[in-house]
C-alpha cells in the first residue's frame, strides 16, 4: 500500500497551502523551501512547470501516487463530461477521502489508516482498500467493535463541515454517499484544467 511518507511542511511551503492540514511551519515561513530562504531569486515558471505543480498539488492533497493518478485520469477521460471535473469527482469518490469528509478522521492520511486497519464497512462488508471507489447510495459505517475508538470520537467531536453529497447519522455512525460531488461542491483549490493540459501533451 504505497503512500507519500516524506516531509509534510516542505510540501505545504512549496505550494503555499496547508496541503496536509494546519501547519505552523507554513505560517512562520510563508516562502518555498530552499537554502537561500526568502531572498532566493526565483525565475518565471514555464507553462509546463505550472501545470506540473498543479498535478503534484492534487496528488499530495488526495494522497495518490503517480501511477494511480494517471489511471484515474484515463478513467476520467473515458467518461462523459469535462475531463478535469471527472478527475476530481473520482478523487472525491475514494473511500479514504469520503471517510475524511464525513469527519471520521482529522486528515486523509488518518482516514487511510482507519480503512487499512479494517475499522470501516461499506454496505455491511469490511473494506480495507483506501482507493475503493464508492457508488451512489453506498453506506459507510464504523464497525461495531471500532465505535469506541478514541481517534474516531475525537475527530467527530471536532467535525465542522457538512457536504451536500454526503449524509451522516451521528447516532448510528453511518454515512451515505449520495453521489459524486459537482465541481462547485469541492472545496479544494485545484486548477484541474492545467492537469488536463499536462496529460494531453
C-alpha atoms as a PDB file:
ATOM      1  CA  UNK A   1       0.000   0.000   0.000  1.00  0.00           C
ATOM      2  CA  UNK A   2       2.217   2.823  -1.306  1.00  0.00           C
ATOM      3  CA  UNK A   3       1.876   6.306   0.111  1.00  0.00           C
ATOM      4  CA  UNK A   4       3.899   9.504   0.491  1.00  0.00           C
ATOM      5  CA  UNK A   5       5.959   9.417   3.706  1.00  0.00           C
ATOM      6  CA  UNK A   6       8.255  12.430   3.196  1.00  0.00           C
ATOM      7  CA  UNK A   7       8.280  15.829   4.946  1.00  0.00           C
ATOM      8  CA  UNK A   8       4.858  17.474   5.058  1.00  0.00           C
ATOM      9  CA  UNK A   9       5.813  21.043   5.944  1.00  0.00           C
ATOM     10  CA  UNK A  10       8.159  21.344   2.953  1.00  0.00           C
ATOM     11  CA  UNK A  11       5.331  20.339   0.612  1.00  0.00           C
ATOM     12  CA  UNK A  12       2.946  22.835   2.249  1.00  0.00           C
ATOM     13  CA  UNK A  13       5.549  25.603   1.868  1.00  0.00           C
ATOM     14  CA  UNK A  14       6.235  24.618  -1.735  1.00  0.00           C
ATOM     15  CA  UNK A  15       2.584  25.180  -2.691  1.00  0.00           C
ATOM     16  CA  UNK A  16       1.955  27.907  -0.070  1.00  0.00           C
ATOM     17  CA  UNK A  17      -1.114  25.980   1.066  1.00  0.00           C
ATOM     18  CA  UNK A  18      -1.847  23.717   4.088  1.00  0.00           C
ATOM     19  CA  UNK A  19      -1.947  20.557   1.931  1.00  0.00           C
ATOM     20  CA  UNK A  20      -1.845  18.208   4.935  1.00  0.00           C
ATOM     21  CA  UNK A  21      -3.881  20.382   7.324  1.00  0.00           C
ATOM     22  CA  UNK A  22      -2.949  23.241   9.666  1.00  0.00           C
ATOM     23  CA  UNK A  23       0.818  23.774   9.659  1.00  0.00           C
ATOM     24  CA  UNK A  24       2.750  26.185  11.919  1.00  0.00           C
ATOM     25  CA  UNK A  25       5.822  25.986   9.676  1.00  0.00           C
ATOM     26  CA  UNK A  26       3.754  27.413   6.805  1.00  0.00           C
ATOM     27  CA  UNK A  27       2.672  30.344   8.973  1.00  0.00           C
ATOM     28  CA  UNK A  28       6.223  31.083  10.140  1.00  0.00           C
ATOM     29  CA  UNK A  29       7.933  30.587   6.780  1.00  0.00           C
ATOM     30  CA  UNK A  30       5.487  31.595   4.072  1.00  0.00           C
ATOM     31  CA  UNK A  31       8.006  31.072   1.259  1.00  0.00           C
ATOM     32  CA  UNK A  32       9.211  27.989  -0.654  1.00  0.00           C
ATOM     33  CA  UNK A  33      11.850  25.750   0.965  1.00  0.00           C
ATOM     34  CA  UNK A  34      15.495  26.058  -0.059  1.00  0.00           C
ATOM     35  CA  UNK A  35      18.862  27.019   1.395  1.00  0.00           C
ATOM     36  CA  UNK A  36      18.646  30.687   0.348  1.00  0.00           C
ATOM     37  CA  UNK A  37      15.315  31.279   2.084  1.00  0.00           C
ATOM     38  CA  UNK A  38      13.013  34.145   1.080  1.00  0.00           C
ATOM     39  CA  UNK A  39      15.849  36.078  -0.638  1.00  0.00           C
ATOM     40  CA  UNK A  40      16.430  33.485  -3.346  1.00  0.00           C
ATOM     41  CA  UNK A  41      15.872  34.843  -6.845  1.00  0.00           C
ATOM     42  CA  UNK A  42      13.130  32.777  -8.429  1.00  0.00           C
ATOM     43  CA  UNK A  43      12.751  32.962 -12.179  1.00  0.00           C
ATOM     44  CA  UNK A  44       9.464  32.934 -14.017  1.00  0.00           C
ATOM     45  CA  UNK A  45       7.987  29.432 -14.215  1.00  0.00           C
ATOM     46  CA  UNK A  46       7.371  27.858 -17.606  1.00  0.00           C
ATOM     47  CA  UNK A  47       3.901  26.730 -18.664  1.00  0.00           C
ATOM     48  CA  UNK A  48       4.974  23.099 -18.150  1.00  0.00           C
ATOM     49  CA  UNK A  49       6.256  23.847 -14.618  1.00  0.00           C
ATOM     50  CA  UNK A  50       2.951  25.481 -13.640  1.00  0.00           C
ATOM     51  CA  UNK A  51       0.963  22.504 -14.975  1.00  0.00           C
ATOM     52  CA  UNK A  52       3.270  20.019 -13.227  1.00  0.00           C
ATOM     53  CA  UNK A  53       2.950  21.894  -9.915  1.00  0.00           C
ATOM     54  CA  UNK A  54      -0.841  21.702 -10.166  1.00  0.00           C
ATOM     55  CA  UNK A  55      -0.727  17.944 -10.773  1.00  0.00           C
ATOM     56  CA  UNK A  56       1.643  17.452  -7.844  1.00  0.00           C
ATOM     57  CA  UNK A  57      -0.607  19.548  -5.610  1.00  0.00           C
ATOM     58  CA  UNK A  58      -3.612  17.361  -6.478  1.00  0.00           C
ATOM     59  CA  UNK A  59      -1.619  14.166  -5.866  1.00  0.00           C
ATOM     60  CA  UNK A  60      -0.364  15.314  -2.462  1.00  0.00           C
ATOM     61  CA  UNK A  61      -3.805  16.638  -1.475  1.00  0.00           C
ATOM     62  CA  UNK A  62      -5.536  13.306  -2.099  1.00  0.00           C
ATOM     63  CA  UNK A  63      -2.554  11.117  -1.145  1.00  0.00           C
ATOM     64  CA  UNK A  64      -2.305   9.418  -4.541  1.00  0.00           C
ATOM     65  CA  UNK A  65       0.927   8.330  -6.238  1.00  0.00           C
ATOM     66  CA  UNK A  66       1.714   8.807  -9.935  1.00  0.00           C
ATOM     67  CA  UNK A  67       0.578   5.500 -11.458  1.00  0.00           C
ATOM     68  CA  UNK A  68      -2.750   5.530  -9.645  1.00  0.00           C
ATOM     69  CA  UNK A  69      -3.295   9.193 -10.523  1.00  0.00           C
ATOM     70  CA  UNK A  70      -2.600   8.631 -14.232  1.00  0.00           C
ATOM     71  CA  UNK A  71      -5.017   5.661 -14.174  1.00  0.00           C
ATOM     72  CA  UNK A  72      -7.661   7.947 -12.685  1.00  0.00           C
ATOM     73  CA  UNK A  73      -7.019  10.442 -15.485  1.00  0.00           C
ATOM     74  CA  UNK A  74      -7.516   7.708 -18.112  1.00  0.00           C
ATOM     75  CA  UNK A  75     -10.820   6.757 -16.446  1.00  0.00           C
ATOM     76  CA  UNK A  76     -11.872  10.427 -16.273  1.00  0.00           C
ATOM     77  CA  UNK A  77     -11.108  10.817 -20.000  1.00  0.00           C
ATOM     78  CA  UNK A  78     -13.375   7.880 -20.860  1.00  0.00           C
ATOM     79  CA  UNK A  79     -16.375   9.299 -19.013  1.00  0.00           C
ATOM     80  CA  UNK A  80     -18.839  11.781 -20.435  1.00  0.00           C
ATOM     81  CA  UNK A  81     -18.461  15.385 -19.370  1.00  0.00           C
ATOM     82  CA  UNK A  82     -15.472  17.600 -18.587  1.00  0.00           C
ATOM     83  CA  UNK A  83     -12.344  15.511 -18.009  1.00  0.00           C
ATOM     84  CA  UNK A  84     -10.893  17.741 -15.273  1.00  0.00           C
ATOM     85  CA  UNK A  85     -14.115  17.721 -13.282  1.00  0.00           C
ATOM     86  CA  UNK A  86     -14.442  13.956 -13.766  1.00  0.00           C
ATOM     87  CA  UNK A  87     -10.919  13.545 -12.357  1.00  0.00           C
ATOM     88  CA  UNK A  88     -11.772  15.462  -9.190  1.00  0.00           C
ATOM     89  CA  UNK A  89     -15.045  13.536  -8.843  1.00  0.00           C
ATOM     90  CA  UNK A  90     -13.102  10.257  -8.955  1.00  0.00           C
ATOM     91  CA  UNK A  91     -10.670  11.557  -6.322  1.00  0.00           C
ATOM     92  CA  UNK A  92     -13.548  12.652  -4.086  1.00  0.00           C
ATOM     93  CA  UNK A  93     -15.283   9.267  -4.505  1.00  0.00           C
ATOM     94  CA  UNK A  94     -12.345   7.359  -2.980  1.00  0.00           C
ATOM     95  CA  UNK A  95     -13.214   5.692   0.328  1.00  0.00           C
ATOM     96  CA  UNK A  96     -10.361   7.337   2.271  1.00  0.00           C
ATOM     97  CA  UNK A  97     -11.468  10.786   1.075  1.00  0.00           C
ATOM     98  CA  UNK A  98     -15.137  10.177   1.980  1.00  0.00           C
ATOM     99  CA  UNK A  99     -14.139   8.921   5.455  1.00  0.00           C
ATOM    100  CA  UNK A 100     -12.226  12.200   5.883  1.00  0.00           C
ATOM    101  CA  UNK A 101     -15.124  14.301   4.538  1.00  0.00           C
ATOM    102  CA  UNK A 102     -17.570  12.566   6.918  1.00  0.00           C
ATOM    103  CA  UNK A 103     -15.394  13.704   9.824  1.00  0.00           C
ATOM    104  CA  UNK A 104     -14.323  10.218  10.965  1.00  0.00           C
ATOM    105  CA  UNK A 105     -10.664  11.213  10.627  1.00  0.00           C
ATOM    106  CA  UNK A 106      -8.823  14.505  11.043  1.00  0.00           C
ATOM    107  CA  UNK A 107      -6.837  14.048   7.814  1.00  0.00           C
ATOM    108  CA  UNK A 108      -6.833  11.903   4.689  1.00  0.00           C
ATOM    109  CA  UNK A 109      -3.743  10.131   5.987  1.00  0.00           C
ATOM    110  CA  UNK A 110      -5.584   9.212   9.205  1.00  0.00           C
ATOM    111  CA  UNK A 111      -8.624   8.135   7.143  1.00  0.00           C
ATOM    112  CA  UNK A 112      -6.384   5.888   5.039  1.00  0.00           C
ATOM    113  CA  UNK A 113      -5.131   4.244   8.229  1.00  0.00           C
ATOM    114  CA  UNK A 114      -8.664   3.666   9.550  1.00  0.00           C
ATOM    115  CA  UNK A 115      -9.633   1.962   6.296  1.00  0.00           C
ATOM    116  CA  UNK A 116      -6.434  -0.110   6.176  1.00  0.00           C
ATOM    117  CA  UNK A 117      -6.970  -1.335   9.742  1.00  0.00           C
ATOM    118  CA  UNK A 118     -10.483  -2.575   8.900  1.00  0.00           C
ATOM    119  CA  UNK A 119     -12.412  -0.182  11.136  1.00  0.00           C
ATOM    120  CA  UNK A 120     -14.995   0.599   8.445  1.00  0.00           C
ATOM    121  CA  UNK A 121     -17.604  -1.170   6.362  1.00  0.00           C
ATOM    122  CA  UNK A 122     -19.240  -0.363   3.043  1.00  0.00           C
ATOM    123  CA  UNK A 123     -22.697  -1.853   2.542  1.00  0.00           C
ATOM    124  CA  UNK A 124     -22.139  -4.096   5.599  1.00  0.00           C
ATOM    125  CA  UNK A 125     -18.908  -5.535   4.164  1.00  0.00           C
ATOM    126  CA  UNK A 126     -15.465  -4.752   5.618  1.00  0.00           C
ATOM    127  CA  UNK A 127     -13.376  -2.848   3.072  1.00  0.00           C
ATOM    128  CA  UNK A 128      -9.685  -2.170   3.718  1.00  0.00           C
ATOM    129  CA  UNK A 129      -8.769  -0.599   0.368  1.00  0.00           C
ATOM    130  CA  UNK A 130      -8.372   3.202   0.698  1.00  0.00           C
ATOM    131  CA  UNK A 131      -8.726   3.710  -3.072  1.00  0.00           C
ATOM    132  CA  UNK A 132     -12.065   1.833  -3.178  1.00  0.00           C
ATOM    133  CA  UNK A 133     -14.388   3.843  -5.411  1.00  0.00           C
ATOM    134  CA  UNK A 134     -17.811   4.497  -3.895  1.00  0.00           C
ATOM    135  CA  UNK A 135     -21.019   4.458  -5.924  1.00  0.00           C
ATOM    136  CA  UNK A 136     -24.298   6.324  -5.483  1.00  0.00           C
ATOM    137  CA  UNK A 137     -26.212   5.076  -2.457  1.00  0.00           C
ATOM    138  CA  UNK A 138     -23.285   3.272  -0.774  1.00  0.00           C
ATOM    139  CA  UNK A 139     -23.471   3.154   3.040  1.00  0.00           C
ATOM    140  CA  UNK A 140     -20.265   3.732   5.009  1.00  0.00           C
ATOM    141  CA  UNK A 141     -20.289   2.804   8.690  1.00  0.00           C
ATOM    142  CA  UNK A 142     -17.959   2.289  11.620  1.00  0.00           C
ATOM    143  CA  UNK A 143     -17.656  -1.353  12.671  1.00  0.00           C
ATOM    144  CA  UNK A 144     -19.314  -2.191  15.988  1.00  0.00           C
ATOM    145  CA  UNK A 145     -16.005  -3.054  17.661  1.00  0.00           C
ATOM    146  CA  UNK A 146     -14.477   0.245  16.495  1.00  0.00           C
ATOM    147  CA  UNK A 147     -17.243   2.643  17.611  1.00  0.00           C
ATOM    148  CA  UNK A 148     -15.459   3.370  20.895  1.00  0.00           C
ATOM    149  CA  UNK A 149     -12.146   4.259  19.203  1.00  0.00           C
ATOM    150  CA  UNK A 150     -10.823   7.478  20.710  1.00  0.00           C
ATOM    151  CA  UNK A 151      -9.428   8.794  17.421  1.00  0.00           C
ATOM    152  CA  UNK A 152     -12.804   8.454  15.668  1.00  0.00           C
ATOM    153  CA  UNK A 153     -14.776  10.020  18.524  1.00  0.00           C
ATOM    154  CA  UNK A 154     -12.308  12.921  18.887  1.00  0.00           C
ATOM    155  CA  UNK A 155     -12.491  13.616  15.174  1.00  0.00           C
ATOM    156  CA  UNK A 156     -16.312  13.511  15.177  1.00  0.00           C
ATOM    157  CA  UNK A 157     -16.397  15.870  18.171  1.00  0.00           C
ATOM    158  CA  UNK A 158     -14.455  18.422  16.119  1.00  0.00           C
ATOM    159  CA  UNK A 159     -16.500  17.846  12.964  1.00  0.00           C
ATOM    160  CA  UNK A 160     -17.276  21.261  11.476  1.00  0.00           C
ATOM    161  CA  UNK A 161     -18.307  20.875   7.855  1.00  0.00           C
ATOM    162  CA  UNK A 162     -21.243  19.162   6.172  1.00  0.00           C
ATOM    163  CA  UNK A 163     -21.280  18.286   2.488  1.00  0.00           C
ATOM    164  CA  UNK A 164     -24.438  18.213   0.340  1.00  0.00           C
ATOM    165  CA  UNK A 165     -23.373  14.988  -1.355  1.00  0.00           C
ATOM    166  CA  UNK A 166     -22.951  13.086   1.918  1.00  0.00           C
ATOM    167  CA  UNK A 167     -25.397  12.236   4.714  1.00  0.00           C
ATOM    168  CA  UNK A 168     -24.176  11.440   8.237  1.00  0.00           C
ATOM    169  CA  UNK A 169     -26.128   9.826  11.085  1.00  0.00           C
ATOM    170  CA  UNK A 170     -24.211  10.518  14.305  1.00  0.00           C
ATOM    171  CA  UNK A 171     -26.366   8.131  16.350  1.00  0.00           C
ATOM    172  CA  UNK A 172     -25.571   5.008  14.338  1.00  0.00           C
ATOM    173  CA  UNK A 173     -22.235   6.295  13.000  1.00  0.00           C
ATOM    174  CA  UNK A 174     -23.333   5.654   9.444  1.00  0.00           C
ATOM    175  CA  UNK A 175     -22.886   7.793   6.377  1.00  0.00           C
ATOM    176  CA  UNK A 176     -24.381   7.671   2.904  1.00  0.00           C
ATOM    177  CA  UNK A 177     -22.615   8.559  -0.337  1.00  0.00           C
ATOM    178  CA  UNK A 178     -25.438  10.217  -2.266  1.00  0.00           C
ATOM    179  CA  UNK A 179     -23.463  10.960  -5.421  1.00  0.00           C
ATOM    180  CA  UNK A 180     -20.100  12.208  -6.663  1.00  0.00           C
ATOM    181  CA  UNK A 181     -19.923  15.962  -5.981  1.00  0.00           C
ATOM    182  CA  UNK A 182     -20.150  18.668  -8.623  1.00  0.00           C
ATOM    183  CA  UNK A 183     -17.088  20.893  -9.050  1.00  0.00           C
ATOM    184  CA  UNK A 184     -18.696  23.763  -7.118  1.00  0.00           C
ATOM    185  CA  UNK A 185     -19.148  21.434  -4.111  1.00  0.00           C
ATOM    186  CA  UNK A 186     -15.437  20.523  -3.937  1.00  0.00           C
ATOM    187  CA  UNK A 187     -13.557  22.985  -1.711  1.00  0.00           C
ATOM    188  CA  UNK A 188     -10.034  22.109  -2.891  1.00  0.00           C
ATOM    189  CA  UNK A 189      -8.050  24.888  -4.577  1.00  0.00           C
ATOM    190  CA  UNK A 190      -7.013  22.866  -7.629  1.00  0.00           C
ATOM    191  CA  UNK A 191      -6.971  24.143 -11.214  1.00  0.00           C
ATOM    192  CA  UNK A 192      -7.917  20.851 -12.851  1.00  0.00           C
ATOM    193  CA  UNK A 193      -7.718  22.260 -16.398  1.00  0.00           C
ATOM    194  CA  UNK A 194      -3.932  22.640 -16.014  1.00  0.00           C
ATOM    195  CA  UNK A 195      -3.691  18.928 -15.158  1.00  0.00           C
ATOM    196  CA  UNK A 196      -5.705  18.024 -18.263  1.00  0.00           C
ATOM    197  CA  UNK A 197      -3.416  20.184 -20.415  1.00  0.00           C
ATOM    198  CA  UNK A 198      -0.329  18.461 -18.918  1.00  0.00           C
ATOM    199  CA  UNK A 199      -1.608  14.936 -19.611  1.00  0.00           C
ATOM    200  CA  UNK A 200      -2.793  15.943 -23.088  1.00  0.00           C
ATOM    201  CA  UNK A 201       0.738  16.799 -24.293  1.00  0.00           C
END
